[in-house]
Amino acid sequence: MFSFERINGFVASNIEVVEMVGVLMRIFSFSLVSWLGPESPFLFVWIFNTTDAVMLSWCSIIKRDKAYVLLNVFWMMVGIIGIFRAGGLARF
């Protein structure tokens, strides 16, 4: 069953690994866009980038790092907009 407490415990006990995976995901997604340019799979990139923002936000919240909480929550919001735009669900 889904439990935030279990996920929080997992992230807290593996925080360095979760952070490293999130950072590598972000590097990969931006590298993909840099290499492929307009041929990039933008919906995939936005979903991938938003997922790493969720991971890094969670780690920042556990660590009580306000600057990185703000940065990664901002990336989550940008990512949600990017997903809607890349998926053709919004035109703003």
PDB file of N, CA and C in Angstrom:
ATOM      1  N   MET A   1       0.832  -1.181   0.000  1.00  0.00           N
ATOM      2  CA  MET A   1       0.000   0.000   0.000  1.00  0.00           C
ATOM      3  C   MET A   1       0.875   1.242   0.000  1.00  0.00           C
ATOM      4  N   PHE A   2       0.396   2.319  -0.643  1.00  0.00           N
ATOM      5  CA  PHE A   2       1.124   3.580  -0.754  1.00  0.00           C
ATOM      6  C   PHE A   2       1.163   4.294   0.590  1.00  0.00           C
ATOM      7  N   SER A   3       2.352   4.691   1.004  1.00  0.00           N
ATOM      8  CA  SER A   3       2.496   5.388   2.268  1.00  0.00           C
ATOM      9  C   SER A   3       3.622   6.416   2.165  1.00  0.00           C
ATOM     10  N   PHE A   4       3.272   7.676   2.407  1.00  0.00           N
ATOM     11  CA  PHE A   4       4.297   8.717   2.388  1.00  0.00           C
ATOM     12  C   PHE A   4       5.353   8.469   3.458  1.00  0.00           C
ATOM     13  N   GLU A   5       4.958   7.904   4.573  1.00  0.00           N
ATOM     14  CA  GLU A   5       5.901   7.634   5.654  1.00  0.00           C
ATOM     15  C   GLU A   5       6.956   6.620   5.225  1.00  0.00           C
ATOM     16  N   ARG A   6       6.530   5.593   4.494  1.00  0.00           N
ATOM     17  CA  ARG A   6       7.493   4.581   4.012  1.00  0.00           C
ATOM     18  C   ARG A   6       8.423   5.181   2.969  1.00  0.00           C
ATOM     19  N   ILE A   7       7.850   5.973   2.044  1.00  0.00           N
ATOM     20  CA  ILE A   7       8.679   6.611   1.028  1.00  0.00           C
ATOM     21  C   ILE A   7       9.643   7.586   1.690  1.00  0.00           C
ATOM     22  N   ASN A   8       9.150   8.372   2.636  1.00  0.00           N
ATOM     23  CA  ASN A   8       9.988   9.328   3.341  1.00  0.00           C
ATOM     24  C   ASN A   8      11.125   8.617   4.071  1.00  0.00           C
ATOM     25  N   GLY A   9      10.822   7.504   4.703  1.00  0.00           N
ATOM     26  CA  GLY A   9      11.857   6.718   5.386  1.00  0.00           C
ATOM     27  C   GLY A   9      12.898   6.191   4.415  1.00  0.00           C
ATOM     28  N   PHE A  10      12.430   5.711   3.249  1.00  0.00           N
ATOM     29  CA  PHE A  10      13.361   5.214   2.234  1.00  0.00           C
ATOM     30  C   PHE A  10      14.259   6.338   1.743  1.00  0.00           C
ATOM     31  N   VAL A  11      13.654   7.486   1.402  1.00  0.00           N
ATOM     32  CA  VAL A  11      14.447   8.614   0.896  1.00  0.00           C
ATOM     33  C   VAL A  11      15.431   9.086   1.968  1.00  0.00           C
ATOM     34  N   ALA A  12      14.966   9.206   3.203  1.00  0.00           N
ATOM     35  CA  ALA A  12      15.841   9.679   4.287  1.00  0.00           C
ATOM     36  C   ALA A  12      17.023   8.738   4.513  1.00  0.00           C
ATOM     37  N   SER A  13      16.788   7.455   4.435  1.00  0.00           N
ATOM     38  CA  SER A  13      17.874   6.505   4.684  1.00  0.00           C
ATOM     39  C   SER A  13      18.784   6.316   3.472  1.00  0.00           C
ATOM     40  N   ASN A  14      18.354   6.772   2.307  1.00  0.00           N
ATOM     41  CA  ASN A  14      19.162   6.657   1.082  1.00  0.00           C
ATOM     42  C   ASN A  14      19.331   8.013   0.401  1.00  0.00           C
ATOM     43  N   ILE A  15      19.389   9.073   1.189  1.00  0.00           N
ATOM     44  CA  ILE A  15      19.315  10.423   0.639  1.00  0.00           C
ATOM     45  C   ILE A  15      20.441  10.741  -0.340  1.00  0.00           C
ATOM     46  N   GLU A  16      21.644  10.287  -0.066  1.00  0.00           N
ATOM     47  CA  GLU A  16      22.760  10.582  -0.974  1.00  0.00           C
ATOM     48  C   GLU A  16      22.559   9.918  -2.336  1.00  0.00           C
ATOM     49  N   VAL A  17      22.064   8.698  -2.327  1.00  0.00           N
ATOM     50  CA  VAL A  17      21.821   7.978  -3.584  1.00  0.00           C
ATOM     51  C   VAL A  17      20.675   8.636  -4.351  1.00  0.00           C
ATOM     52  N   VAL A  18      19.599   8.975  -3.650  1.00  0.00           N
ATOM     53  CA  VAL A  18      18.448   9.601  -4.309  1.00  0.00           C
ATOM     54  C   VAL A  18      18.859  10.938  -4.918  1.00  0.00           C
ATOM     55  N   GLU A  19      19.642  11.724  -4.178  1.00  0.00           N
ATOM     56  CA  GLU A  19      20.121  13.003  -4.711  1.00  0.00           C
ATOM     57  C   GLU A  19      21.000  12.808  -5.940  1.00  0.00           C
ATOM     58  N   MET A  20      21.897  11.851  -5.883  1.00  0.00           N
ATOM     59  CA  MET A  20      22.796  11.610  -7.018  1.00  0.00           C
ATOM     60  C   MET A  20      22.013  11.160  -8.249  1.00  0.00           C
ATOM     61  N   VAL A  21      21.042  10.292  -8.062  1.00  0.00           N
ATOM     62  CA  VAL A  21      20.210   9.850  -9.188  1.00  0.00           C
ATOM     63  C   VAL A  21      19.455  11.052  -9.765  1.00  0.00           C
ATOM     64  N   GLY A  22      18.897  11.899  -8.901  1.00  0.00           N
ATOM     65  CA  GLY A  22      18.184  13.087  -9.362  1.00  0.00           C
ATOM     66  C   GLY A  22      19.081  14.038 -10.143  1.00  0.00           C
ATOM     67  N   VAL A  23      20.283  14.260  -9.649  1.00  0.00           N
ATOM     68  CA  VAL A  23      21.226  15.138 -10.346  1.00  0.00           C
ATOM     69  C   VAL A  23      21.625  14.540 -11.690  1.00  0.00           C
ATOM     70  N   LEU A  24      21.892  13.250 -11.737  1.00  0.00           N
ATOM     71  CA  LEU A  24      22.248  12.604 -13.000  1.00  0.00           C
ATOM     72  C   LEU A  24      21.087  12.652 -13.995  1.00  0.00           C
ATOM     73  N   MET A  25      19.871  12.516 -13.491  1.00  0.00           N
ATOM     74  CA  MET A  25      18.695  12.625 -14.368  1.00  0.00           C
ATOM     75  C   MET A  25      18.612  14.024 -14.975  1.00  0.00           C
ATOM     76  N   ARG A  26      18.866  15.047 -14.159  1.00  0.00           N
ATOM     77  CA  ARG A  26      18.805  16.422 -14.655  1.00  0.00           C
ATOM     78  C   ARG A  26      19.892  16.675 -15.690  1.00  0.00           C
ATOM     79  N   ILE A  27      21.093  16.203 -15.425  1.00  0.00           N
ATOM     80  CA  ILE A  27      22.195  16.351 -16.384  1.00  0.00           C
ATOM     81  C   ILE A  27      21.832  15.660 -17.693  1.00  0.00           C
ATOM     82  N   PHE A  28      21.288  14.459 -17.602  1.00  0.00           N
ATOM     83  CA  PHE A  28      20.912  13.709 -18.803  1.00  0.00           C
ATOM     84  C   PHE A  28      19.852  14.445 -19.611  1.00  0.00           C
ATOM     85  N   SER A  29      18.817  14.945 -18.940  1.00  0.00           N
ATOM     86  CA  SER A  29      17.726  15.590 -19.677  1.00  0.00           C
ATOM     87  C   SER A  29      18.188  16.858 -20.369  1.00  0.00           C
ATOM     88  N   PHE A  30      18.995  17.668 -19.704  1.00  0.00           N
ATOM     89  CA  PHE A  30      19.480  18.883 -20.355  1.00  0.00           C
ATOM     90  C   PHE A  30      20.508  18.567 -21.439  1.00  0.00           C
ATOM     91  N   SER A  31      21.285  17.524 -21.248  1.00  0.00           N
ATOM     92  CA  SER A  31      22.229  17.114 -22.288  1.00  0.00           C
ATOM     93  C   SER A  31      21.493  16.636 -23.525  1.00  0.00           C
ATOM     94  N   LEU A  32      20.407  15.911 -23.331  1.00  0.00           N
ATOM     95  CA  LEU A  32      19.612  15.420 -24.454  1.00  0.00           C
ATOM     96  C   LEU A  32      19.075  16.572 -25.301  1.00  0.00           C
ATOM     97  N   VAL A  33      18.562  17.599 -24.634  1.00  0.00           N
ATOM     98  CA  VAL A  33      18.050  18.759 -25.359  1.00  0.00           C
ATOM     99  C   VAL A  33      19.191  19.492 -26.060  1.00  0.00           C
ATOM    100  N   SER A  34      20.332  19.605 -25.392  1.00  0.00           N
ATOM    101  CA  SER A  34      21.480  20.285 -26.004  1.00  0.00           C
ATOM    102  C   SER A  34      21.967  19.546 -27.240  1.00  0.00           C
ATOM    103  N   TRP A  35      22.011  18.222 -27.179  1.00  0.00           N
ATOM    104  CA  TRP A  35      22.523  17.436 -28.302  1.00  0.00           C
ATOM    105  C   TRP A  35      21.528  17.351 -29.451  1.00  0.00           C
ATOM    106  N   LEU A  36      20.259  17.146 -29.139  1.00  0.00           N
ATOM    107  CA  LEU A  36      19.263  16.902 -30.178  1.00  0.00           C
ATOM    108  C   LEU A  36      18.543  18.157 -30.661  1.00  0.00           C
ATOM    109  N   GLY A  37      18.585  19.225 -29.882  1.00  0.00           N
ATOM    110  CA  GLY A  37      17.931  20.469 -30.282  1.00  0.00           C
ATOM    111  C   GLY A  37      16.447  20.268 -30.550  1.00  0.00           C
ATOM    112  N   PRO A  38      15.979  20.790 -31.694  1.00  0.00           N
ATOM    113  CA  PRO A  38      14.543  20.703 -32.008  1.00  0.00           C
ATOM    114  C   PRO A  38      14.018  19.277 -32.180  1.00  0.00           C
ATOM    115  N   GLU A  39      14.895  18.318 -32.394  1.00  0.00           N
ATOM    116  CA  GLU A  39      14.447  16.921 -32.534  1.00  0.00           C
ATOM    117  C   GLU A  39      14.322  16.214 -31.181  1.00  0.00           C
ATOM    118  N   SER A  40      14.521  16.945 -30.093  1.00  0.00           N
ATOM    119  CA  SER A  40      14.428  16.350 -28.757  1.00  0.00           C
ATOM    120  C   SER A  40      13.024  15.842 -28.482  1.00  0.00           C
ATOM    121  N   PRO A  41      12.921  14.735 -27.762  1.00  0.00           N
ATOM    122  CA  PRO A  41      11.600  14.246 -27.349  1.00  0.00           C
ATOM    123  C   PRO A  41      11.126  15.059 -26.143  1.00  0.00           C
ATOM    124  N   PHE A  42      10.577  16.250 -26.403  1.00  0.00           N
ATOM    125  CA  PHE A  42      10.327  17.222 -25.346  1.00  0.00           C
ATOM    126  C   PHE A  42       9.389  16.714 -24.257  1.00  0.00           C
ATOM    127  N   LEU A  43       8.366  15.966 -24.604  1.00  0.00           N
ATOM    128  CA  LEU A  43       7.466  15.461 -23.565  1.00  0.00           C
ATOM    129  C   LEU A  43       8.224  14.539 -22.623  1.00  0.00           C
ATOM    130  N   PHE A  44       9.028  13.642 -23.173  1.00  0.00           N
ATOM    131  CA  PHE A  44       9.852  12.759 -22.343  1.00  0.00           C
ATOM    132  C   PHE A  44      10.785  13.568 -21.454  1.00  0.00           C
ATOM    133  N   VAL A  45      11.445  14.567 -22.040  1.00  0.00           N
ATOM    134  CA  VAL A  45      12.404  15.389 -21.287  1.00  0.00           C
ATOM    135  C   VAL A  45      11.699  16.109 -20.145  1.00  0.00           C
ATOM    136  N   TRP A  46      10.519  16.669 -20.395  1.00  0.00           N
ATOM    137  CA  TRP A  46       9.803  17.378 -19.333  1.00  0.00           C
ATOM    138  C   TRP A  46       9.347  16.431 -18.231  1.00  0.00           C
ATOM    139  N   ILE A  47       8.873  15.254 -18.601  1.00  0.00           N
ATOM    140  CA  ILE A  47       8.463  14.280 -17.583  1.00  0.00           C
ATOM    141  C   ILE A  47       9.669  13.833 -16.762  1.00  0.00           C
ATOM    142  N   PHE A  48      10.765  13.551 -17.431  1.00  0.00           N
ATOM    143  CA  PHE A  48      11.999  13.114 -16.766  1.00  0.00           C
ATOM    144  C   PHE A  48      12.518  14.214 -15.838  1.00  0.00           C
ATOM    145  N   ASN A  49      12.547  15.455 -16.341  1.00  0.00           N
ATOM    146  CA  ASN A  49      13.049  16.583 -15.567  1.00  0.00           C
ATOM    147  C   ASN A  49      12.147  16.893 -14.368  1.00  0.00           C
ATOM    148  N   THR A  50      10.847  16.749 -14.535  1.00  0.00           N
ATOM    149  CA  THR A  50       9.928  16.991 -13.427  1.00  0.00           C
ATOM    150  C   THR A  50      10.064  15.898 -12.370  1.00  0.00           C
ATOM    151  N   THR A  51      10.303  14.678 -12.802  1.00  0.00           N
ATOM    152  CA  THR A  51      10.530  13.580 -11.850  1.00  0.00           C
ATOM    153  C   THR A  51      11.772  13.831 -11.012  1.00  0.00           C
ATOM    154  N   ASP A  52      12.861  14.288 -11.654  1.00  0.00           N
ATOM    155  CA  ASP A  52      14.061  14.558 -10.853  1.00  0.00           C
ATOM    156  C   ASP A  52      13.829  15.745  -9.928  1.00  0.00           C
ATOM    157  N   ALA A  53      13.004  16.705 -10.334  1.00  0.00           N
ATOM    158  CA  ALA A  53      12.694  17.836  -9.455  1.00  0.00           C
ATOM    159  C   ALA A  53      11.923  17.375  -8.219  1.00  0.00           C
ATOM    160  N   VAL A  54      11.025  16.416  -8.389  1.00  0.00           N
ATOM    161  CA  VAL A  54      10.302  15.862  -7.243  1.00  0.00           C
ATOM    162  C   VAL A  54      11.287  15.168  -6.294  1.00  0.00           C
ATOM    163  N   MET A  55      12.176  14.370  -6.859  1.00  0.00           N
ATOM    164  CA  MET A  55      13.167  13.657  -6.036  1.00  0.00           C
ATOM    165  C   MET A  55      14.053  14.636  -5.273  1.00  0.00           C
ATOM    166  N   LEU A  56      14.561  15.645  -5.976  1.00  0.00           N
ATOM    167  CA  LEU A  56      15.465  16.598  -5.333  1.00  0.00           C
ATOM    168  C   LEU A  56      14.736  17.508  -4.347  1.00  0.00           C
ATOM    169  N   SER A  57      13.463  17.813  -4.628  1.00  0.00           N
ATOM    170  CA  SER A  57      12.671  18.598  -3.670  1.00  0.00           C
ATOM    171  C   SER A  57      12.478  17.819  -2.387  1.00  0.00           C
ATOM    172  N   TRP A  58      12.167  16.536  -2.526  1.00  0.00           N
ATOM    173  CA  TRP A  58      11.938  15.696  -1.348  1.00  0.00           C
ATOM    174  C   TRP A  58      13.204  15.656  -0.483  1.00  0.00           C
ATOM    175  N   CYS A  59      14.345  15.466  -1.129  1.00  0.00           N
ATOM    176  CA  CYS A  59      15.612  15.441  -0.390  1.00  0.00           C
ATOM    177  C   CYS A  59      15.874  16.778   0.298  1.00  0.00           C
ATOM    178  N   SER A  60      15.592  17.875  -0.399  1.00  0.00           N
ATOM    179  CA  SER A  60      15.813  19.211   0.163  1.00  0.00           C
ATOM    180  C   SER A  60      14.902  19.471   1.345  1.00  0.00           C
ATOM    181  N   ILE A  61      13.676  18.993   1.270  1.00  0.00           N
ATOM    182  CA  ILE A  61      12.748  19.160   2.386  1.00  0.00           C
ATOM    183  C   ILE A  61      13.244  18.388   3.599  1.00  0.00           C
ATOM    184  N   ILE A  62      13.685  17.161   3.396  1.00  0.00           N
ATOM    185  CA  ILE A  62      14.216  16.359   4.507  1.00  0.00           C
ATOM    186  C   ILE A  62      15.419  17.055   5.140  1.00  0.00           C
ATOM    187  N   LYS A  63      16.290  17.626   4.292  1.00  0.00           N
ATOM    188  CA  LYS A  63      17.493  18.299   4.786  1.00  0.00           C
ATOM    189  C   LYS A  63      17.222  19.718   5.288  1.00  0.00           C
ATOM    190  N   ARG A  64      15.999  20.183   5.100  1.00  0.00           N
ATOM    191  CA  ARG A  64      15.591  21.545   5.492  1.00  0.00           C
ATOM    192  C   ARG A  64      16.477  22.607   4.836  1.00  0.00           C
ATOM    193  N   ASP A  65      16.752  22.400   3.553  1.00  0.00           N
ATOM    194  CA  ASP A  65      17.564  23.337   2.773  1.00  0.00           C
ATOM    195  C   ASP A  65      16.616  24.219   1.960  1.00  0.00           C
ATOM    196  N   LYS A  66      16.282  25.377   2.522  1.00  0.00           N
ATOM    197  CA  LYS A  66      15.252  26.237   1.949  1.00  0.00           C
ATOM    198  C   LYS A  66      15.570  26.678   0.524  1.00  0.00           C
ATOM    199  N   ALA A  67      16.829  26.987   0.246  1.00  0.00           N
ATOM    200  CA  ALA A  67      17.198  27.447  -1.101  1.00  0.00           C
ATOM    201  C   ALA A  67      16.930  26.361  -2.135  1.00  0.00           C
ATOM    202  N   TYR A  68      17.294  25.124  -1.845  1.00  0.00           N
ATOM    203  CA  TYR A  68      17.085  24.039  -2.804  1.00  0.00           C
ATOM    204  C   TYR A  68      15.633  23.577  -2.850  1.00  0.00           C
ATOM    205  N   VAL A  69      14.906  23.750  -1.757  1.00  0.00           N
ATOM    206  CA  VAL A  69      13.467  23.482  -1.804  1.00  0.00           C
ATOM    207  C   VAL A  69      12.832  24.449  -2.801  1.00  0.00           C
ATOM    208  N   LEU A  70      13.147  25.744  -2.672  1.00  0.00           N
ATOM    209  CA  LEU A  70      12.600  26.745  -3.580  1.00  0.00           C
ATOM    210  C   LEU A  70      12.992  26.457  -5.026  1.00  0.00           C
ATOM    211  N   LEU A  71      14.264  26.182  -5.257  1.00  0.00           N
ATOM    212  CA  LEU A  71      14.747  25.919  -6.614  1.00  0.00           C
ATOM    213  C   LEU A  71      14.042  24.722  -7.235  1.00  0.00           C
ATOM    214  N   ASN A  72      13.961  23.626  -6.520  1.00  0.00           N
ATOM    215  CA  ASN A  72      13.400  22.407  -7.094  1.00  0.00           C
ATOM    216  C   ASN A  72      11.881  22.430  -7.178  1.00  0.00           C
ATOM    217  N   VAL A  73      11.220  23.104  -6.261  1.00  0.00           N
ATOM    218  CA  VAL A  73       9.769  23.264  -6.388  1.00  0.00           C
ATOM    219  C   VAL A  73       9.472  24.151  -7.595  1.00  0.00           C
ATOM    220  N   PHE A  74      10.290  25.180  -7.814  1.00  0.00           N
ATOM    221  CA  PHE A  74      10.162  25.999  -9.020  1.00  0.00           C
ATOM    222  C   PHE A  74      10.292  25.125 -10.263  1.00  0.00           C
ATOM    223  N   TRP A  75      11.300  24.223 -10.298  1.00  0.00           N
ATOM    224  CA  TRP A  75      11.486  23.337 -11.452  1.00  0.00           C
ATOM    225  C   TRP A  75      10.313  22.391 -11.627  1.00  0.00           C
ATOM    226  N   MET A  76       9.688  21.990 -10.524  1.00  0.00           N
ATOM    227  CA  MET A  76       8.495  21.149 -10.633  1.00  0.00           C
ATOM    228  C   MET A  76       7.371  21.914 -11.335  1.00  0.00           C
ATOM    229  N   MET A  77       7.172  23.176 -10.951  1.00  0.00           N
ATOM    230  CA  MET A  77       6.115  23.983 -11.574  1.00  0.00           C
ATOM    231  C   MET A  77       6.417  24.231 -13.054  1.00  0.00           C
ATOM    232  N   VAL A  78       7.668  24.557 -13.357  1.00  0.00           N
ATOM    233  CA  VAL A  78       8.063  24.746 -14.752  1.00  0.00           C
ATOM    234  C   VAL A  78       7.860  23.442 -15.526  1.00  0.00           C
ATOM    235  N   GLY A  79       8.199  22.333 -14.910  1.00  0.00           N
ATOM    236  CA  GLY A  79       8.044  21.034 -15.548  1.00  0.00           C
ATOM    237  C   GLY A  79       6.598  20.691 -15.846  1.00  0.00           C
ATOM    238  N   ILE A  80       5.711  21.002 -14.930  1.00  0.00           N
ATOM    239  CA  ILE A  80       4.281  20.734 -15.161  1.00  0.00           C
ATOM    240  C   ILE A  80       3.787  21.550 -16.349  1.00  0.00           C
ATOM    241  N   ILE A  81       4.185  22.805 -16.416  1.00  0.00           N
ATOM    242  CA  ILE A  81       3.815  23.642 -17.572  1.00  0.00           C
ATOM    243  C   ILE A  81       4.419  23.053 -18.842  1.00  0.00           C
ATOM    244  N   GLY A  82       5.677  22.636 -18.781  1.00  0.00           N
ATOM    245  CA  GLY A  82       6.331  22.032 -19.944  1.00  0.00           C
ATOM    246  C   GLY A  82       5.642  20.762 -20.412  1.00  0.00           C
ATOM    247  N   ILE A  83       5.192  19.946 -19.467  1.00  0.00           N
ATOM    248  CA  ILE A  83       4.476  18.710 -19.820  1.00  0.00           C
ATOM    249  C   ILE A  83       3.171  19.049 -20.544  1.00  0.00           C
ATOM    250  N   PHE A  84       2.428  20.014 -20.022  1.00  0.00           N
ATOM    251  CA  PHE A  84       1.172  20.416 -20.663  1.00  0.00           C
ATOM    252  C   PHE A  84       1.434  20.970 -22.062  1.00  0.00           C
ATOM    253  N   ARG A  85       2.467  21.791 -22.199  1.00  0.00           N
ATOM    254  CA  ARG A  85       2.750  22.383 -23.518  1.00  0.00           C
ATOM    255  C   ARG A  85       3.253  21.322 -24.498  1.00  0.00           C
ATOM    256  N   ALA A  86       4.193  20.479 -24.071  1.00  0.00           N
ATOM    257  CA  ALA A  86       4.743  19.455 -24.965  1.00  0.00           C
ATOM    258  C   ALA A  86       3.688  18.415 -25.330  1.00  0.00           C
ATOM    259  N   GLY A  87       2.747  18.183 -24.426  1.00  0.00           N
ATOM    260  CA  GLY A  87       1.687  17.222 -24.692  1.00  0.00           C
ATOM    261  C   GLY A  87       0.518  17.810 -25.479  1.00  0.00           C
ATOM    262  N   GLY A  88       0.607  19.098 -25.813  1.00  0.00           N
ATOM    263  CA  GLY A  88      -0.437  19.747 -26.581  1.00  0.00           C
ATOM    264  C   GLY A  88      -1.690  20.058 -25.793  1.00  0.00           C
ATOM    265  N   LEU A  89      -1.571  20.084 -24.469  1.00  0.00           N
ATOM    266  CA  LEU A  89      -2.736  20.338 -23.615  1.00  0.00           C
ATOM    267  C   LEU A  89      -2.902  21.809 -23.263  1.00  0.00           C
ATOM    268  N   ALA A  90      -1.874  22.628 -23.548  1.00  0.00           N
ATOM    269  CA  ALA A  90      -1.938  24.064 -23.227  1.00  0.00           C
ATOM    270  C   ALA A  90      -1.153  24.829 -24.279  1.00  0.00           C
ATOM    271  N   ARG A  91      -1.594  26.025 -24.528  1.00  0.00           N
ATOM    272  CA  ARG A  91      -0.924  26.874 -25.509  1.00  0.00           C
ATOM    273  C   ARG A  91      -0.609  28.240 -24.923  1.00  0.00           C
ATOM    274  N   PHE A  92      -0.018  28.279 -23.754  1.00  0.00           N
ATOM    275  CA  PHE A  92       0.366  29.560 -23.158  1.00  0.00           C
ATOM    276  C   PHE A  92       1.854  29.688 -23.109  1.00  0.00           C
TER     277      PHE A  92
END
